[in-house]
């Protein structure tokens, strides 16, 4: 056993108390925010400064997420802005707002009416790209049917039983 002088023991005790005080008084930093419930709505005036994780029967984003959004639920509707990536899976996933990076969505009915500024990767029964929709990167779809009336700036890799292209693919 190591013998410590009285002075060193006091110094060690004070250092230990100082560390304990720091750990008890400094708030824990969170790198994400989580929300859940039957219905989760992020209002138009609400800004989430971190990544957001949502599990809900119905989720509506009208506000802004400054990080990534990961959402799982029955109905997911994106009307606001996501400054990072979107990862979403639900029975119905609708993107009418803006995703400033990549979007990866899966579900039965997928609808894009807004803007995905980078790649869009989708898997589901149906994908509908509205006439005002745009994808700034590549589009990948695997499912039964796809109807694209918007713009795709990159390549499109579409695997489906029925594909209709009424928009433009660069």
N, C-alpha and C. Protein backbone atom coordinates (compact mmCIF):
# COMPACT_ATOMS: atom_id res chain seq x y z
N UNK A 1 0.83 -1.18 0.00
CA UNK A 1 0.00 0.00 0.00
C UNK A 1 0.88 1.24 0.00
N UNK A 2 0.44 2.26 -0.73
CA UNK A 2 1.22 3.49 -0.84
C UNK A 2 0.85 4.40 0.32
N UNK A 3 1.87 4.89 0.98
CA UNK A 3 1.68 5.83 2.09
C UNK A 3 1.75 7.25 1.56
N UNK A 4 0.74 8.05 1.84
CA UNK A 4 0.72 9.45 1.44
C UNK A 4 0.85 10.32 2.67
N UNK A 5 1.56 11.42 2.49
CA UNK A 5 1.67 12.36 3.61
C UNK A 5 0.32 13.03 3.84
N UNK A 6 0.19 13.64 4.99
CA UNK A 6 -1.06 14.29 5.35
C UNK A 6 -1.40 15.39 4.34
N UNK A 7 -0.39 16.12 3.90
CA UNK A 7 -0.59 17.19 2.93
C UNK A 7 -1.09 16.63 1.59
N UNK A 8 -0.52 15.53 1.11
CA UNK A 8 -0.93 14.93 -0.17
C UNK A 8 -2.34 14.35 -0.07
N UNK A 9 -2.69 13.79 1.08
CA UNK A 9 -4.05 13.27 1.25
C UNK A 9 -5.07 14.41 1.20
N UNK A 10 -4.75 15.55 1.84
CA UNK A 10 -5.65 16.71 1.79
C UNK A 10 -5.79 17.21 0.36
N UNK A 11 -4.67 17.29 -0.35
CA UNK A 11 -4.67 17.76 -1.74
C UNK A 11 -5.51 16.83 -2.62
N UNK A 12 -5.36 15.53 -2.43
CA UNK A 12 -6.13 14.55 -3.19
C UNK A 12 -7.62 14.65 -2.86
N UNK A 13 -7.95 14.85 -1.60
CA UNK A 13 -9.35 14.99 -1.20
C UNK A 13 -9.97 16.25 -1.79
N UNK A 14 -9.23 17.36 -1.77
CA UNK A 14 -9.74 18.61 -2.34
C UNK A 14 -9.93 18.46 -3.85
N UNK A 15 -8.98 17.83 -4.53
CA UNK A 15 -9.09 17.62 -5.98
C UNK A 15 -10.29 16.73 -6.30
N UNK A 16 -10.49 15.69 -5.50
CA UNK A 16 -11.64 14.80 -5.70
C UNK A 16 -12.96 15.54 -5.51
N UNK A 17 -13.05 16.36 -4.45
CA UNK A 17 -14.26 17.15 -4.23
C UNK A 17 -14.49 18.16 -5.35
N UNK A 18 -13.42 18.75 -5.86
CA UNK A 18 -13.55 19.71 -6.97
C UNK A 18 -14.11 19.02 -8.21
N UNK A 19 -13.58 17.85 -8.52
CA UNK A 19 -14.09 17.09 -9.68
C UNK A 19 -15.55 16.69 -9.48
N UNK A 20 -15.87 16.23 -8.29
CA UNK A 20 -17.25 15.86 -7.99
C UNK A 20 -18.19 17.06 -8.14
N UNK A 21 -17.76 18.21 -7.65
CA UNK A 21 -18.56 19.43 -7.77
C UNK A 21 -18.78 19.80 -9.23
N UNK A 22 -17.73 19.69 -10.03
CA UNK A 22 -17.85 20.00 -11.46
C UNK A 22 -18.85 19.07 -12.12
N UNK A 23 -18.74 17.78 -11.86
CA UNK A 23 -19.64 16.81 -12.49
C UNK A 23 -21.09 16.98 -12.03
N UNK A 24 -21.30 17.44 -10.82
CA UNK A 24 -22.65 17.60 -10.32
C UNK A 24 -23.29 18.92 -10.73
N UNK A 25 -22.49 19.94 -11.03
CA UNK A 25 -23.06 21.25 -11.35
C UNK A 25 -23.06 21.58 -12.83
N UNK A 26 -22.21 20.99 -13.62
CA UNK A 26 -22.19 21.27 -15.06
C UNK A 26 -23.26 20.43 -15.73
N UNK A 27 -24.15 21.06 -16.49
CA UNK A 27 -25.20 20.28 -17.16
C UNK A 27 -24.60 19.38 -18.24
N UNK A 28 -25.26 18.27 -18.45
CA UNK A 28 -24.82 17.32 -19.46
C UNK A 28 -25.18 17.88 -20.83
N UNK A 29 -24.22 17.90 -21.73
CA UNK A 29 -24.49 18.37 -23.10
C UNK A 29 -25.17 17.27 -23.88
N UNK A 30 -26.23 17.64 -24.58
CA UNK A 30 -26.94 16.67 -25.41
C UNK A 30 -26.62 16.94 -26.86
N UNK A 31 -26.34 15.91 -27.60
CA UNK A 31 -26.02 16.06 -29.01
C UNK A 31 -27.25 15.87 -29.89
N UNK A 32 -28.39 15.59 -29.30
CA UNK A 32 -29.61 15.41 -30.07
C UNK A 32 -30.82 15.69 -29.19
N UNK A 33 -31.95 15.80 -29.85
CA UNK A 33 -33.21 15.96 -29.13
C UNK A 33 -34.14 14.84 -29.58
N UNK A 34 -34.89 14.28 -28.66
CA UNK A 34 -35.82 13.21 -28.99
C UNK A 34 -37.24 13.58 -28.61
N UNK A 35 -38.18 13.19 -29.46
CA UNK A 35 -39.59 13.43 -29.19
C UNK A 35 -40.39 12.21 -29.60
N UNK A 36 -41.50 11.97 -28.93
CA UNK A 36 -42.33 10.83 -29.26
C UNK A 36 -43.75 11.02 -28.76
N UNK A 37 -44.66 10.20 -29.28
CA UNK A 37 -46.05 10.26 -28.86
C UNK A 37 -46.96 9.91 -30.01
N UNK A 38 -48.26 10.01 -29.76
CA UNK A 38 -49.24 9.74 -30.82
C UNK A 38 -49.12 10.75 -31.95
N UNK A 39 -49.06 12.04 -31.57
CA UNK A 39 -48.94 13.12 -32.56
C UNK A 39 -47.83 14.06 -32.09
N UNK A 40 -46.85 14.29 -32.96
CA UNK A 40 -45.77 15.23 -32.66
C UNK A 40 -45.76 16.27 -33.77
N UNK A 41 -45.88 17.55 -33.38
CA UNK A 41 -45.88 18.65 -34.35
C UNK A 41 -44.80 19.64 -33.95
N UNK A 42 -43.92 19.96 -34.88
CA UNK A 42 -42.93 21.01 -34.69
C UNK A 42 -43.47 22.22 -35.45
N UNK A 43 -43.87 23.26 -34.70
CA UNK A 43 -44.51 24.43 -35.30
C UNK A 43 -43.60 25.23 -36.20
N UNK A 44 -44.19 26.08 -37.02
CA UNK A 44 -43.45 26.87 -38.01
C UNK A 44 -42.43 27.80 -37.37
N UNK A 45 -42.67 28.25 -36.15
CA UNK A 45 -41.75 29.16 -35.48
C UNK A 45 -40.73 28.45 -34.60
N UNK A 46 -40.75 27.13 -34.58
CA UNK A 46 -39.85 26.36 -33.72
C UNK A 46 -38.59 25.96 -34.47
N UNK A 47 -37.43 26.14 -33.81
CA UNK A 47 -36.13 25.78 -34.38
C UNK A 47 -35.47 24.78 -33.44
N UNK A 48 -35.09 23.62 -33.98
CA UNK A 48 -34.36 22.61 -33.23
C UNK A 48 -32.89 22.77 -33.61
N UNK A 49 -32.03 23.08 -32.63
CA UNK A 49 -30.63 23.38 -32.91
C UNK A 49 -29.74 22.15 -33.01
N UNK A 50 -30.27 20.97 -32.77
CA UNK A 50 -29.50 19.73 -32.82
C UNK A 50 -30.16 18.75 -33.76
N UNK A 51 -29.61 17.53 -33.79
CA UNK A 51 -30.28 16.44 -34.49
C UNK A 51 -31.58 16.14 -33.75
N UNK A 52 -32.58 15.68 -34.50
CA UNK A 52 -33.88 15.38 -33.90
C UNK A 52 -34.28 13.95 -34.24
N UNK A 53 -34.67 13.18 -33.22
CA UNK A 53 -35.14 11.81 -33.38
C UNK A 53 -36.60 11.77 -32.95
N UNK A 54 -37.47 11.25 -33.83
CA UNK A 54 -38.90 11.24 -33.54
C UNK A 54 -39.47 9.86 -33.80
N UNK A 55 -40.30 9.40 -32.88
CA UNK A 55 -41.10 8.20 -33.07
C UNK A 55 -42.53 8.57 -32.74
N UNK A 56 -43.43 8.54 -33.73
CA UNK A 56 -44.79 9.01 -33.50
C UNK A 56 -45.75 8.36 -34.48
N UNK A 57 -47.01 8.29 -34.08
CA UNK A 57 -48.04 7.83 -35.00
C UNK A 57 -48.20 8.81 -36.15
N UNK A 58 -48.15 10.10 -35.82
CA UNK A 58 -48.21 11.16 -36.82
C UNK A 58 -47.17 12.21 -36.46
N UNK A 59 -46.33 12.58 -37.42
CA UNK A 59 -45.30 13.60 -37.20
C UNK A 59 -45.38 14.64 -38.31
N UNK A 60 -45.45 15.91 -37.90
CA UNK A 60 -45.48 17.02 -38.85
C UNK A 60 -44.37 18.00 -38.48
N UNK A 61 -43.51 18.30 -39.44
CA UNK A 61 -42.46 19.30 -39.25
C UNK A 61 -42.81 20.52 -40.10
N UNK A 62 -43.15 21.61 -39.42
CA UNK A 62 -43.38 22.88 -40.10
C UNK A 62 -42.23 23.85 -39.82
N UNK A 63 -41.42 23.56 -38.82
CA UNK A 63 -40.32 24.42 -38.42
C UNK A 63 -39.01 24.04 -39.07
N UNK A 64 -37.90 24.26 -38.32
CA UNK A 64 -36.55 24.04 -38.84
C UNK A 64 -35.78 23.12 -37.91
N UNK A 65 -35.07 22.15 -38.51
CA UNK A 65 -34.14 21.30 -37.78
C UNK A 65 -32.76 21.64 -38.30
N UNK A 66 -31.88 22.14 -37.43
CA UNK A 66 -30.54 22.57 -37.86
C UNK A 66 -29.59 21.39 -38.08
N UNK A 67 -29.94 20.22 -37.59
CA UNK A 67 -29.11 19.02 -37.78
C UNK A 67 -29.84 18.01 -38.64
N UNK A 68 -29.61 16.74 -38.35
CA UNK A 68 -30.28 15.65 -39.06
C UNK A 68 -31.64 15.36 -38.41
N UNK A 69 -32.55 14.81 -39.19
CA UNK A 69 -33.85 14.37 -38.67
C UNK A 69 -34.00 12.88 -38.96
N UNK A 70 -34.25 12.12 -37.90
CA UNK A 70 -34.55 10.69 -38.02
C UNK A 70 -35.96 10.52 -37.48
N UNK A 71 -36.89 10.06 -38.35
CA UNK A 71 -38.29 9.96 -37.96
C UNK A 71 -38.87 8.61 -38.36
N UNK A 72 -39.59 7.99 -37.42
CA UNK A 72 -40.28 6.73 -37.66
C UNK A 72 -41.71 6.90 -37.19
N UNK A 73 -42.67 6.48 -38.01
CA UNK A 73 -44.06 6.62 -37.60
C UNK A 73 -45.02 6.18 -38.68
N UNK A 74 -46.29 6.42 -38.42
CA UNK A 74 -47.32 6.07 -39.39
C UNK A 74 -47.35 7.07 -40.53
N UNK A 75 -47.54 8.35 -40.19
CA UNK A 75 -47.59 9.43 -41.17
C UNK A 75 -46.51 10.44 -40.83
N UNK A 76 -45.65 10.73 -41.80
CA UNK A 76 -44.57 11.70 -41.62
C UNK A 76 -44.72 12.76 -42.70
N UNK A 77 -44.82 14.02 -42.27
CA UNK A 77 -44.99 15.12 -43.22
C UNK A 77 -43.96 16.20 -42.93
N UNK A 78 -43.11 16.48 -43.92
CA UNK A 78 -42.06 17.47 -43.79
C UNK A 78 -42.45 18.69 -44.62
N UNK A 79 -42.83 19.77 -43.94
CA UNK A 79 -43.19 21.02 -44.61
C UNK A 79 -42.16 22.11 -44.37
N UNK A 80 -41.30 21.91 -43.38
CA UNK A 80 -40.31 22.90 -43.00
C UNK A 80 -38.97 22.64 -43.64
N UNK A 81 -37.89 22.97 -42.91
CA UNK A 81 -36.53 22.87 -43.42
C UNK A 81 -35.70 21.96 -42.53
N UNK A 82 -34.95 21.07 -43.17
CA UNK A 82 -33.98 20.22 -42.48
C UNK A 82 -32.62 20.60 -43.05
N UNK A 83 -31.72 21.10 -42.19
CA UNK A 83 -30.43 21.56 -42.67
C UNK A 83 -29.42 20.43 -42.81
N UNK A 84 -29.73 19.25 -42.31
CA UNK A 84 -28.86 18.09 -42.45
C UNK A 84 -29.56 17.02 -43.28
N UNK A 85 -29.33 15.76 -42.91
CA UNK A 85 -29.93 14.62 -43.60
C UNK A 85 -31.32 14.32 -43.05
N UNK A 86 -32.13 13.68 -43.87
CA UNK A 86 -33.42 13.15 -43.45
C UNK A 86 -33.39 11.64 -43.59
N UNK A 87 -33.72 10.95 -42.52
CA UNK A 87 -33.93 9.50 -42.55
C UNK A 87 -35.33 9.28 -41.99
N UNK A 88 -36.22 8.73 -42.83
CA UNK A 88 -37.62 8.59 -42.40
C UNK A 88 -38.19 7.27 -42.90
N UNK A 89 -38.99 6.64 -42.05
CA UNK A 89 -39.69 5.41 -42.43
C UNK A 89 -41.08 5.47 -41.82
N UNK A 90 -42.08 5.23 -42.66
CA UNK A 90 -43.45 5.26 -42.19
C UNK A 90 -44.38 4.74 -43.26
N UNK A 91 -45.64 4.61 -42.92
CA UNK A 91 -46.62 4.17 -43.91
C UNK A 91 -46.72 5.21 -45.02
N UNK A 92 -46.74 6.47 -44.63
CA UNK A 92 -46.80 7.57 -45.59
C UNK A 92 -45.73 8.59 -45.22
N UNK A 93 -44.86 8.93 -46.18
CA UNK A 93 -43.81 9.93 -45.96
C UNK A 93 -43.94 10.98 -47.06
N UNK A 94 -44.14 12.23 -46.66
CA UNK A 94 -44.31 13.34 -47.60
C UNK A 94 -43.28 14.41 -47.30
N UNK A 95 -42.56 14.84 -48.34
CA UNK A 95 -41.58 15.92 -48.20
C UNK A 95 -42.04 17.08 -49.08
N UNK A 96 -42.63 18.09 -48.46
CA UNK A 96 -43.04 19.30 -49.17
C UNK A 96 -42.10 20.46 -48.90
N UNK A 97 -41.23 20.31 -47.92
CA UNK A 97 -40.30 21.36 -47.54
C UNK A 97 -38.95 21.19 -48.21
N UNK A 98 -37.88 21.55 -47.47
CA UNK A 98 -36.52 21.52 -48.00
C UNK A 98 -35.64 20.65 -47.12
N UNK A 99 -34.91 19.73 -47.76
CA UNK A 99 -33.87 18.95 -47.10
C UNK A 99 -32.56 19.40 -47.72
N UNK A 100 -31.68 20.02 -46.93
CA UNK A 100 -30.47 20.62 -47.48
C UNK A 100 -29.35 19.62 -47.74
N UNK A 101 -29.52 18.37 -47.34
CA UNK A 101 -28.52 17.34 -47.61
C UNK A 101 -29.25 16.13 -48.18
N UNK A 102 -28.81 14.93 -47.85
CA UNK A 102 -29.40 13.70 -48.38
C UNK A 102 -30.72 13.37 -47.68
N UNK A 103 -31.58 12.65 -48.39
CA UNK A 103 -32.82 12.13 -47.81
C UNK A 103 -32.90 10.64 -48.12
N UNK A 104 -33.18 9.85 -47.09
CA UNK A 104 -33.38 8.41 -47.24
C UNK A 104 -34.73 8.10 -46.62
N UNK A 105 -35.68 7.69 -47.47
CA UNK A 105 -37.02 7.46 -46.96
C UNK A 105 -37.54 6.11 -47.42
N UNK A 106 -38.34 5.49 -46.56
CA UNK A 106 -38.94 4.20 -46.86
C UNK A 106 -40.37 4.20 -46.34
N UNK A 107 -41.25 3.55 -47.09
CA UNK A 107 -42.63 3.47 -46.66
C UNK A 107 -43.52 2.98 -47.77
N UNK A 108 -44.80 2.94 -47.51
CA UNK A 108 -45.77 2.48 -48.49
C UNK A 108 -45.99 3.54 -49.56
N UNK A 109 -46.36 4.75 -49.15
CA UNK A 109 -46.62 5.85 -50.08
C UNK A 109 -45.63 6.97 -49.80
N UNK A 110 -44.78 7.26 -50.78
CA UNK A 110 -43.75 8.29 -50.65
C UNK A 110 -44.07 9.42 -51.62
N UNK A 111 -43.98 10.66 -51.13
CA UNK A 111 -44.32 11.80 -51.97
C UNK A 111 -43.29 12.91 -51.77
N UNK A 112 -42.76 13.42 -52.88
CA UNK A 112 -41.82 14.53 -52.84
C UNK A 112 -42.44 15.69 -53.60
N UNK A 113 -42.72 16.77 -52.88
CA UNK A 113 -43.26 17.96 -53.50
C UNK A 113 -42.34 19.15 -53.31
N UNK A 114 -41.30 18.97 -52.50
CA UNK A 114 -40.37 20.05 -52.19
C UNK A 114 -39.01 19.81 -52.80
N UNK A 115 -37.97 20.15 -52.03
CA UNK A 115 -36.60 20.10 -52.55
C UNK A 115 -35.70 19.25 -51.66
N UNK A 116 -34.99 18.31 -52.28
CA UNK A 116 -33.90 17.58 -51.63
C UNK A 116 -32.64 18.04 -52.34
N UNK A 117 -31.75 18.73 -51.63
CA UNK A 117 -30.63 19.39 -52.29
C UNK A 117 -29.49 18.46 -52.67
N UNK A 118 -29.47 17.24 -52.13
CA UNK A 118 -28.46 16.26 -52.51
C UNK A 118 -29.17 14.98 -52.94
N UNK A 119 -28.65 13.82 -52.57
CA UNK A 119 -29.20 12.55 -53.04
C UNK A 119 -30.51 12.19 -52.33
N UNK A 120 -31.37 11.49 -53.07
CA UNK A 120 -32.62 10.97 -52.53
C UNK A 120 -32.65 9.47 -52.77
N UNK A 121 -32.69 8.70 -51.68
CA UNK A 121 -32.74 7.24 -51.75
C UNK A 121 -34.07 6.81 -51.16
N UNK A 122 -34.88 6.07 -51.96
CA UNK A 122 -36.22 5.71 -51.52
C UNK A 122 -36.50 4.23 -51.75
N UNK A 123 -37.35 3.68 -50.90
CA UNK A 123 -37.83 2.31 -51.07
C UNK A 123 -39.27 2.28 -50.56
N UNK A 124 -40.17 1.76 -51.39
CA UNK A 124 -41.56 1.71 -50.98
C UNK A 124 -42.45 1.22 -52.10
N UNK A 125 -43.74 1.16 -51.83
CA UNK A 125 -44.68 0.73 -52.85
C UNK A 125 -44.76 1.75 -53.97
N UNK A 126 -44.91 3.03 -53.60
CA UNK A 126 -45.03 4.06 -54.64
C UNK A 126 -44.25 5.31 -54.26
N UNK A 127 -43.72 5.96 -55.30
CA UNK A 127 -43.04 7.24 -55.15
C UNK A 127 -43.66 8.21 -56.14
N UNK A 128 -44.09 9.36 -55.62
CA UNK A 128 -44.62 10.41 -56.49
C UNK A 128 -43.78 11.66 -56.32
N UNK A 129 -43.16 12.11 -57.40
CA UNK A 129 -42.42 13.36 -57.41
C UNK A 129 -43.25 14.41 -58.12
N UNK A 130 -43.72 15.40 -57.38
CA UNK A 130 -44.59 16.42 -57.95
C UNK A 130 -43.88 17.34 -58.92
N UNK A 131 -44.65 18.13 -59.67
CA UNK A 131 -44.08 19.00 -60.70
C UNK A 131 -43.16 20.07 -60.11
N UNK A 132 -43.35 20.44 -58.88
CA UNK A 132 -42.48 21.44 -58.25
C UNK A 132 -41.33 20.84 -57.47
N UNK A 133 -41.17 19.53 -57.52
CA UNK A 133 -40.12 18.88 -56.74
C UNK A 133 -38.78 18.94 -57.45
N UNK A 134 -37.71 18.91 -56.64
CA UNK A 134 -36.37 18.86 -57.23
C UNK A 134 -35.44 18.06 -56.33
N UNK A 135 -34.55 17.31 -56.99
CA UNK A 135 -33.50 16.54 -56.32
C UNK A 135 -32.18 17.06 -56.87
N UNK A 136 -31.32 17.58 -55.99
CA UNK A 136 -30.07 18.18 -56.43
C UNK A 136 -28.98 17.19 -56.77
N UNK A 137 -29.13 15.95 -56.33
CA UNK A 137 -28.15 14.90 -56.60
C UNK A 137 -28.79 13.75 -57.33
N UNK A 138 -28.39 12.54 -56.96
CA UNK A 138 -28.93 11.33 -57.59
C UNK A 138 -30.23 10.90 -56.91
N UNK A 139 -31.04 10.18 -57.69
CA UNK A 139 -32.29 9.60 -57.18
C UNK A 139 -32.22 8.09 -57.34
N UNK A 140 -32.46 7.37 -56.25
CA UNK A 140 -32.52 5.91 -56.28
C UNK A 140 -33.89 5.51 -55.74
N UNK A 141 -34.61 4.67 -56.50
CA UNK A 141 -35.92 4.19 -56.07
C UNK A 141 -36.00 2.69 -56.29
N UNK A 142 -36.50 1.98 -55.29
CA UNK A 142 -36.80 0.56 -55.41
C UNK A 142 -38.21 0.37 -54.86
N UNK A 143 -39.10 -0.16 -55.70
CA UNK A 143 -40.47 -0.35 -55.28
C UNK A 143 -41.33 -0.79 -56.44
N UNK A 144 -42.63 -0.57 -56.31
CA UNK A 144 -43.55 -1.02 -57.35
C UNK A 144 -43.75 0.03 -58.44
N UNK A 145 -44.10 1.27 -58.04
CA UNK A 145 -44.38 2.28 -59.07
C UNK A 145 -43.78 3.62 -58.68
N UNK A 146 -43.34 4.37 -59.70
CA UNK A 146 -42.80 5.71 -59.51
C UNK A 146 -43.34 6.62 -60.59
N UNK A 147 -43.73 7.82 -60.19
CA UNK A 147 -44.19 8.85 -61.12
C UNK A 147 -43.41 10.12 -60.80
N UNK A 148 -42.58 10.56 -61.74
CA UNK A 148 -41.70 11.69 -61.49
C UNK A 148 -42.03 12.83 -62.44
N UNK A 149 -42.49 13.95 -61.89
CA UNK A 149 -42.82 15.12 -62.70
C UNK A 149 -41.89 16.29 -62.42
N UNK A 150 -40.99 16.14 -61.46
CA UNK A 150 -40.08 17.22 -61.10
C UNK A 150 -38.73 17.10 -61.78
N UNK A 151 -37.71 17.71 -61.18
CA UNK A 151 -36.37 17.72 -61.74
C UNK A 151 -35.42 16.90 -60.88
N UNK A 152 -34.53 16.15 -61.55
CA UNK A 152 -33.45 15.41 -60.89
C UNK A 152 -32.16 15.89 -61.54
N UNK A 153 -31.27 16.51 -60.76
CA UNK A 153 -30.04 17.08 -61.31
C UNK A 153 -28.97 16.02 -61.58
N UNK A 154 -29.04 14.89 -60.89
CA UNK A 154 -28.05 13.83 -61.07
C UNK A 154 -28.62 12.66 -61.84
N UNK A 155 -28.08 11.49 -61.56
CA UNK A 155 -28.55 10.26 -62.19
C UNK A 155 -29.80 9.75 -61.47
N UNK A 156 -30.57 8.92 -62.18
CA UNK A 156 -31.73 8.26 -61.59
C UNK A 156 -31.61 6.77 -61.81
N UNK A 157 -31.67 6.01 -60.73
CA UNK A 157 -31.64 4.55 -60.79
C UNK A 157 -32.99 4.08 -60.24
N UNK A 158 -33.88 3.66 -61.14
CA UNK A 158 -35.25 3.34 -60.78
C UNK A 158 -35.53 1.87 -61.03
N UNK A 159 -35.95 1.16 -59.99
CA UNK A 159 -36.30 -0.25 -60.12
C UNK A 159 -37.74 -0.41 -59.66
N UNK A 160 -38.65 -0.63 -60.62
CA UNK A 160 -40.05 -0.75 -60.27
C UNK A 160 -40.84 -1.42 -61.36
N UNK A 161 -42.06 -1.81 -61.04
CA UNK A 161 -42.94 -2.43 -62.02
C UNK A 161 -43.49 -1.43 -63.01
N UNK A 162 -43.69 -0.19 -62.59
CA UNK A 162 -44.22 0.86 -63.46
C UNK A 162 -43.50 2.16 -63.13
N UNK A 163 -42.92 2.78 -64.15
CA UNK A 163 -42.20 4.04 -63.96
C UNK A 163 -42.67 5.04 -65.00
N UNK A 164 -43.08 6.22 -64.54
CA UNK A 164 -43.51 7.29 -65.45
C UNK A 164 -42.63 8.51 -65.18
N UNK A 165 -42.00 9.03 -66.24
CA UNK A 165 -41.15 10.21 -66.11
C UNK A 165 -41.76 11.33 -66.94
N UNK A 166 -42.24 12.36 -66.26
CA UNK A 166 -42.81 13.53 -66.93
C UNK A 166 -41.97 14.77 -66.66
N UNK A 167 -40.93 14.63 -65.85
CA UNK A 167 -40.04 15.74 -65.52
C UNK A 167 -38.72 15.60 -66.25
N UNK A 168 -37.66 16.13 -65.66
CA UNK A 168 -36.34 16.07 -66.29
C UNK A 168 -35.34 15.37 -65.39
N UNK A 169 -34.48 14.58 -66.02
CA UNK A 169 -33.37 13.92 -65.34
C UNK A 169 -32.12 14.30 -66.11
N UNK A 170 -31.19 14.97 -65.43
CA UNK A 170 -29.97 15.42 -66.10
C UNK A 170 -29.13 14.23 -66.36
